[in-house]
């Protein structure tokens, strides 16, 4: 488990964004028609591991320091809400 966490923490670039997006999309399965709540025990640790590895240059100011964490949260939320849109359409 530590090896998996280490690999996820060290992801960078589009791979980090893709994992965050897929974790958000996976979290949608915990909602109404599926009610598969156990998937939250996979998707939220993925989010925490990604946020744990999100670092920026502290010397460049607070915005650049927090930008990688913002991007991870944005991609997770985008995947979550995009995958949840089918419910609105039906």
Protein backbone atom coordinates (compact mmCIF):
# COMPACT_ATOMS: atom_id res chain seq x y z
CA UNK A 1 0.00 0.00 0.00
CA UNK A 2 2.88 2.37 0.77
CA UNK A 3 4.38 1.68 -2.63
CA UNK A 4 1.10 2.53 -4.36
CA UNK A 5 0.73 5.71 -2.31
CA UNK A 6 4.29 6.69 -3.15
CA UNK A 7 3.69 6.24 -6.87
CA UNK A 8 0.51 8.32 -6.76
CA UNK A 9 2.11 11.05 -4.68
CA UNK A 10 4.96 11.37 -7.19
CA UNK A 11 2.72 11.66 -10.26
CA UNK A 12 3.07 14.93 -12.13
CA UNK A 13 1.59 16.72 -15.12
CA UNK A 14 -1.19 15.18 -17.16
CA UNK A 15 -0.97 11.87 -15.28
CA UNK A 16 -1.79 13.64 -12.00
CA UNK A 17 -4.71 15.42 -13.67
CA UNK A 18 -5.99 12.17 -15.20
CA UNK A 19 -5.88 10.28 -11.90
CA UNK A 20 -7.67 13.15 -10.14
CA UNK A 21 -10.32 13.26 -12.89
CA UNK A 22 -10.87 9.48 -12.75
CA UNK A 23 -11.04 9.49 -8.95
CA UNK A 24 -13.71 12.18 -9.13
CA UNK A 25 -15.64 10.23 -11.75
CA UNK A 26 -15.35 7.11 -9.61
CA UNK A 27 -16.81 8.94 -6.61
CA UNK A 28 -20.06 9.45 -8.54
CA UNK A 29 -20.85 5.76 -8.04
CA UNK A 30 -21.60 6.55 -4.39
CA UNK A 31 -24.64 8.57 -5.46
CA UNK A 32 -28.27 7.64 -5.83
CA UNK A 33 -28.97 4.93 -8.39
CA UNK A 34 -25.84 2.90 -7.57
CA UNK A 35 -25.38 3.68 -3.86
CA UNK A 36 -21.97 2.03 -3.94
CA UNK A 37 -20.62 3.93 -0.95
CA UNK A 38 -17.52 1.75 -0.62
CA UNK A 39 -16.04 3.46 -3.68
CA UNK A 40 -15.45 6.52 -1.48
CA UNK A 41 -12.83 4.49 0.38
CA UNK A 42 -10.87 4.38 -2.88
CA UNK A 43 -11.54 7.77 -4.46
CA UNK A 44 -10.95 10.01 -1.44
CA UNK A 45 -7.62 8.43 -0.42
CA UNK A 46 -6.54 8.95 -4.03
CA UNK A 47 -7.46 12.62 -3.68
CA UNK A 48 -5.57 12.91 -0.39
CA UNK A 49 -2.47 11.25 -1.87
CA UNK A 50 -2.58 13.56 -4.87
CA UNK A 51 -2.94 16.60 -2.62
CA UNK A 52 -0.10 15.34 -0.45
CA UNK A 53 2.21 15.37 -3.44
CA UNK A 54 1.06 18.75 -4.77
CA UNK A 55 3.93 21.11 -4.12
CA UNK A 56 5.01 24.33 -5.72
CA UNK A 57 7.89 26.71 -5.31
CA UNK A 58 7.42 28.59 -2.05
CA UNK A 59 9.81 31.29 -3.17
CA UNK A 60 7.53 32.27 -6.07
CA UNK A 61 4.72 33.48 -3.83
CA UNK A 62 1.69 31.92 -2.23
CA UNK A 63 -0.30 31.53 -5.47
CA UNK A 64 2.35 29.49 -7.26
CA UNK A 65 2.87 27.49 -4.08
CA UNK A 66 -0.81 26.49 -3.91
CA UNK A 67 -1.51 26.17 -7.64
CA UNK A 68 -0.77 22.41 -7.92
CA UNK A 69 -3.19 21.64 -5.07
CA UNK A 70 -5.82 23.84 -6.70
CA UNK A 71 -5.35 21.97 -9.99
CA UNK A 72 -5.79 18.58 -8.29
CA UNK A 73 -8.98 19.73 -6.61
CA UNK A 74 -10.27 21.25 -9.83
CA UNK A 75 -9.69 18.06 -11.83
CA UNK A 76 -11.28 15.92 -9.11
CA UNK A 77 -14.33 18.19 -9.01
CA UNK A 78 -14.52 18.35 -12.81
CA UNK A 79 -14.54 14.55 -13.04
CA UNK A 80 -17.10 14.31 -10.26
CA UNK A 81 -19.54 16.79 -11.73
CA UNK A 82 -19.02 15.76 -15.35
CA UNK A 83 -19.74 12.12 -14.53
CA UNK A 84 -22.72 13.21 -12.44
CA UNK A 85 -24.27 15.19 -15.31
CA UNK A 86 -25.97 12.11 -16.75
CA UNK A 87 -28.27 12.15 -13.72
CA UNK A 88 -29.44 15.67 -14.57
CA UNK A 89 -30.11 14.69 -18.18
CA UNK A 90 -32.24 11.66 -17.35
